[in-house]
Amino acid sequence: GNKFPKDAPSLNAVLGKYGLACVSGWYSGRLAHRSVEEEIAAVQSHLHLLADSGATVMVYGEVADAIQGEARPLYKRPRFQSQR
């Protein structure tokens, strides 16, 4: 991640050199730790980048409590409960 420009004109220019276009973009969300209003506010700049680049899809991945990069077995990862 974080290998591409964060402004639409620069992103479109980089991709355009190779005949490519931005069609989507991953967003690492933290809705499990934030209110809906906070999550909506946090995603705004990414949504604007995607829209200004011509993308119509955003890929949302919930990463709150993720264990990537930790020396923990996968079976010990946090699990969402229905009450959450």
N, C-alpha and C. Protein backbone atom coordinates (compact mmCIF):
# COMPACT_ATOMS: atom_id res chain seq x y z
N GLY A 1 0.81 -1.20 0.00
CA GLY A 1 0.00 0.00 0.00
C GLY A 1 0.85 1.26 0.00
N ASN A 2 0.19 2.35 -0.18
CA ASN A 2 0.81 3.68 -0.16
C ASN A 2 1.90 3.85 -1.22
N LYS A 3 1.75 3.19 -2.34
CA LYS A 3 2.75 3.29 -3.40
C LYS A 3 2.31 4.22 -4.53
N PHE A 4 1.06 4.66 -4.49
CA PHE A 4 0.53 5.50 -5.55
C PHE A 4 0.23 6.89 -5.02
N PRO A 5 0.21 7.88 -5.91
CA PRO A 5 -0.11 9.25 -5.50
C PRO A 5 -1.48 9.33 -4.83
N LYS A 6 -1.63 10.29 -3.94
CA LYS A 6 -2.88 10.48 -3.20
C LYS A 6 -3.73 11.61 -3.75
N ASP A 7 -3.38 12.11 -4.94
CA ASP A 7 -4.23 13.11 -5.59
C ASP A 7 -4.57 12.60 -6.99
N ALA A 8 -5.80 12.86 -7.41
CA ALA A 8 -6.33 12.29 -8.65
C ALA A 8 -5.51 12.65 -9.89
N PRO A 9 -5.15 13.91 -10.10
CA PRO A 9 -4.38 14.22 -11.32
C PRO A 9 -3.06 13.43 -11.40
N SER A 10 -2.35 13.34 -10.31
CA SER A 10 -1.08 12.60 -10.31
C SER A 10 -1.32 11.11 -10.49
N LEU A 11 -2.32 10.58 -9.81
CA LEU A 11 -2.64 9.15 -9.94
C LEU A 11 -3.03 8.81 -11.37
N ASN A 12 -3.91 9.62 -11.95
CA ASN A 12 -4.33 9.37 -13.33
C ASN A 12 -3.16 9.47 -14.30
N ALA A 13 -2.24 10.40 -14.05
CA ALA A 13 -1.07 10.55 -14.92
C ALA A 13 -0.17 9.32 -14.85
N VAL A 14 0.09 8.84 -13.64
CA VAL A 14 0.96 7.67 -13.47
C VAL A 14 0.33 6.45 -14.14
N LEU A 15 -0.94 6.21 -13.88
CA LEU A 15 -1.61 5.05 -14.46
C LEU A 15 -1.76 5.19 -15.97
N GLY A 16 -2.05 6.41 -16.42
CA GLY A 16 -2.26 6.66 -17.84
C GLY A 16 -1.04 6.35 -18.69
N LYS A 17 0.16 6.49 -18.13
CA LYS A 17 1.39 6.16 -18.88
C LYS A 17 1.38 4.72 -19.36
N TYR A 18 0.65 3.87 -18.67
CA TYR A 18 0.61 2.45 -18.99
C TYR A 18 -0.74 2.02 -19.55
N GLY A 19 -1.55 2.98 -19.91
CA GLY A 19 -2.87 2.67 -20.45
C GLY A 19 -3.83 2.13 -19.40
N LEU A 20 -3.59 2.47 -18.14
CA LEU A 20 -4.42 1.98 -17.04
C LEU A 20 -5.26 3.10 -16.45
N ALA A 21 -6.27 2.71 -15.70
CA ALA A 21 -7.12 3.68 -15.01
C ALA A 21 -7.47 3.12 -13.64
N CYS A 22 -7.74 4.00 -12.71
CA CYS A 22 -8.15 3.58 -11.37
C CYS A 22 -9.62 3.17 -11.43
N VAL A 23 -9.91 1.94 -11.07
CA VAL A 23 -11.30 1.46 -11.08
C VAL A 23 -11.81 1.17 -9.68
N SER A 24 -10.91 1.11 -8.71
CA SER A 24 -11.30 0.80 -7.34
C SER A 24 -10.13 1.12 -6.42
N GLY A 25 -10.39 1.04 -5.13
CA GLY A 25 -9.32 1.25 -4.17
C GLY A 25 -9.68 0.68 -2.82
N TRP A 26 -8.72 0.08 -2.17
CA TRP A 26 -8.89 -0.53 -0.85
C TRP A 26 -8.93 0.54 0.22
N TYR A 27 -9.83 0.37 1.17
CA TYR A 27 -9.88 1.24 2.34
C TYR A 27 -9.84 0.37 3.59
N SER A 28 -8.90 0.64 4.46
CA SER A 28 -8.77 -0.10 5.72
C SER A 28 -9.63 0.59 6.77
N GLY A 29 -10.81 0.06 6.98
CA GLY A 29 -11.75 0.67 7.90
C GLY A 29 -11.57 0.21 9.34
N ARG A 30 -12.10 1.00 10.25
CA ARG A 30 -12.01 0.70 11.67
C ARG A 30 -13.36 0.92 12.35
N LEU A 31 -14.40 0.51 11.67
CA LEU A 31 -15.76 0.72 12.18
C LEU A 31 -15.99 0.01 13.51
N ALA A 32 -15.27 -1.05 13.77
CA ALA A 32 -15.42 -1.76 15.05
C ALA A 32 -14.90 -0.92 16.23
N HIS A 33 -14.10 0.10 15.93
CA HIS A 33 -13.54 0.95 16.98
C HIS A 33 -14.05 2.39 16.92
N ARG A 34 -14.81 2.72 15.86
CA ARG A 34 -15.28 4.09 15.69
C ARG A 34 -16.79 4.10 15.48
N SER A 35 -17.36 5.25 15.68
CA SER A 35 -18.78 5.40 15.36
C SER A 35 -18.94 5.47 13.85
N VAL A 36 -20.15 5.29 13.39
CA VAL A 36 -20.43 5.40 11.96
C VAL A 36 -20.04 6.79 11.46
N GLU A 37 -20.37 7.80 12.23
CA GLU A 37 -20.04 9.18 11.84
C GLU A 37 -18.53 9.38 11.72
N GLU A 38 -17.77 8.83 12.67
CA GLU A 38 -16.31 8.94 12.62
C GLU A 38 -15.74 8.20 11.41
N GLU A 39 -16.29 7.04 11.10
CA GLU A 39 -15.81 6.26 9.96
C GLU A 39 -16.11 6.99 8.65
N ILE A 40 -17.30 7.55 8.55
CA ILE A 40 -17.67 8.31 7.36
C ILE A 40 -16.73 9.50 7.18
N ALA A 41 -16.43 10.20 8.25
CA ALA A 41 -15.51 11.33 8.18
C ALA A 41 -14.11 10.88 7.78
N ALA A 42 -13.67 9.76 8.32
CA ALA A 42 -12.31 9.26 8.05
C ALA A 42 -12.12 8.83 6.60
N VAL A 43 -13.16 8.34 5.96
CA VAL A 43 -13.04 7.80 4.60
C VAL A 43 -13.18 8.88 3.52
N GLN A 44 -13.57 10.08 3.88
CA GLN A 44 -13.88 11.11 2.89
C GLN A 44 -12.76 11.38 1.89
N SER A 45 -11.54 11.56 2.35
CA SER A 45 -10.47 11.89 1.40
C SER A 45 -10.23 10.74 0.42
N HIS A 46 -10.37 9.51 0.89
CA HIS A 46 -10.19 8.36 0.00
C HIS A 46 -11.33 8.30 -1.02
N LEU A 47 -12.55 8.55 -0.57
CA LEU A 47 -13.69 8.56 -1.50
C LEU A 47 -13.52 9.63 -2.56
N HIS A 48 -13.05 10.81 -2.17
CA HIS A 48 -12.83 11.88 -3.14
C HIS A 48 -11.74 11.51 -4.14
N LEU A 49 -10.67 10.88 -3.66
CA LEU A 49 -9.62 10.44 -4.56
C LEU A 49 -10.17 9.46 -5.59
N LEU A 50 -10.93 8.48 -5.12
CA LEU A 50 -11.50 7.49 -6.04
C LEU A 50 -12.45 8.14 -7.04
N ALA A 51 -13.37 8.96 -6.55
CA ALA A 51 -14.35 9.60 -7.43
C ALA A 51 -13.66 10.52 -8.44
N ASP A 52 -12.70 11.30 -7.98
CA ASP A 52 -11.99 12.22 -8.87
C ASP A 52 -11.11 11.48 -9.87
N SER A 53 -10.80 10.22 -9.59
CA SER A 53 -10.00 9.40 -10.50
C SER A 53 -10.88 8.59 -11.46
N GLY A 54 -12.19 8.69 -11.28
CA GLY A 54 -13.11 7.98 -12.16
C GLY A 54 -13.54 6.62 -11.65
N ALA A 55 -13.09 6.23 -10.47
CA ALA A 55 -13.48 4.93 -9.91
C ALA A 55 -14.91 5.00 -9.38
N THR A 56 -15.61 3.90 -9.49
CA THR A 56 -16.99 3.83 -8.99
C THR A 56 -17.15 2.79 -7.89
N VAL A 57 -16.05 2.17 -7.49
CA VAL A 57 -16.09 1.11 -6.48
C VAL A 57 -15.02 1.37 -5.43
N MET A 58 -15.38 1.16 -4.16
CA MET A 58 -14.40 1.19 -3.08
C MET A 58 -14.45 -0.17 -2.39
N VAL A 59 -13.30 -0.75 -2.17
CA VAL A 59 -13.21 -2.02 -1.45
C VAL A 59 -12.98 -1.68 0.01
N TYR A 60 -13.89 -2.13 0.87
CA TYR A 60 -13.79 -1.83 2.30
C TYR A 60 -13.34 -3.08 3.03
N GLY A 61 -12.28 -2.96 3.80
CA GLY A 61 -11.81 -4.07 4.64
C GLY A 61 -11.76 -3.61 6.08
N GLU A 62 -12.42 -4.32 6.96
CA GLU A 62 -12.40 -3.99 8.38
C GLU A 62 -11.08 -4.48 8.96
N VAL A 63 -10.29 -3.58 9.53
CA VAL A 63 -8.98 -3.96 10.05
C VAL A 63 -8.83 -3.74 11.55
N ALA A 64 -9.88 -3.29 12.20
CA ALA A 64 -9.80 -3.11 13.66
C ALA A 64 -9.50 -4.47 14.29
N ASP A 65 -8.57 -4.50 15.19
CA ASP A 65 -8.14 -5.72 15.87
C ASP A 65 -7.44 -6.72 14.95
N ALA A 66 -7.00 -6.28 13.78
CA ALA A 66 -6.28 -7.19 12.89
C ALA A 66 -4.95 -7.59 13.54
N ILE A 67 -4.46 -8.77 13.18
CA ILE A 67 -3.22 -9.26 13.81
C ILE A 67 -2.06 -9.36 12.82
N GLN A 68 -2.19 -8.76 11.62
CA GLN A 68 -1.09 -8.79 10.67
C GLN A 68 0.15 -8.18 11.32
N GLY A 69 1.27 -8.82 11.09
CA GLY A 69 2.53 -8.33 11.62
C GLY A 69 2.79 -8.71 13.06
N GLU A 70 1.86 -9.40 13.68
CA GLU A 70 2.05 -9.84 15.06
C GLU A 70 2.45 -11.31 15.09
N ALA A 71 3.21 -11.68 16.08
CA ALA A 71 3.61 -13.08 16.24
C ALA A 71 2.52 -13.81 17.05
N ARG A 72 1.35 -13.89 16.44
CA ARG A 72 0.21 -14.56 17.08
C ARG A 72 -0.37 -15.57 16.12
N PRO A 73 -0.70 -16.76 16.59
CA PRO A 73 -1.33 -17.74 15.71
C PRO A 73 -2.69 -17.24 15.24
N LEU A 74 -3.04 -17.59 14.03
CA LEU A 74 -4.31 -17.16 13.45
C LEU A 74 -5.50 -17.59 14.31
N TYR A 75 -5.42 -18.74 14.94
CA TYR A 75 -6.56 -19.20 15.73
C TYR A 75 -6.79 -18.34 16.97
N LYS A 76 -5.82 -17.49 17.31
CA LYS A 76 -5.98 -16.60 18.47
C LYS A 76 -6.42 -15.19 18.07
N ARG A 77 -6.77 -15.01 16.81
CA ARG A 77 -7.20 -13.69 16.36
C ARG A 77 -8.53 -13.31 17.01
N PRO A 78 -8.79 -12.03 17.15
CA PRO A 78 -10.08 -11.61 17.69
C PRO A 78 -11.20 -12.01 16.73
N ARG A 79 -12.34 -12.28 17.27
CA ARG A 79 -13.51 -12.63 16.45
C ARG A 79 -14.65 -11.70 16.80
N PHE A 80 -15.38 -11.32 15.78
CA PHE A 80 -16.55 -10.49 16.01
C PHE A 80 -17.66 -11.34 16.59
N GLN A 81 -18.34 -10.79 17.54
CA GLN A 81 -19.49 -11.46 18.15
C GLN A 81 -20.76 -10.74 17.67
N SER A 82 -21.88 -11.42 17.73
CA SER A 82 -23.11 -10.81 17.24
C SER A 82 -23.50 -9.58 18.04
N GLN A 83 -23.04 -9.47 19.28
CA GLN A 83 -23.38 -8.31 20.10
C GLN A 83 -22.60 -7.07 19.69
N ARG A 84 -21.55 -7.22 18.95
CA ARG A 84 -20.68 -6.11 18.59
C ARG A 84 -21.26 -5.37 17.49
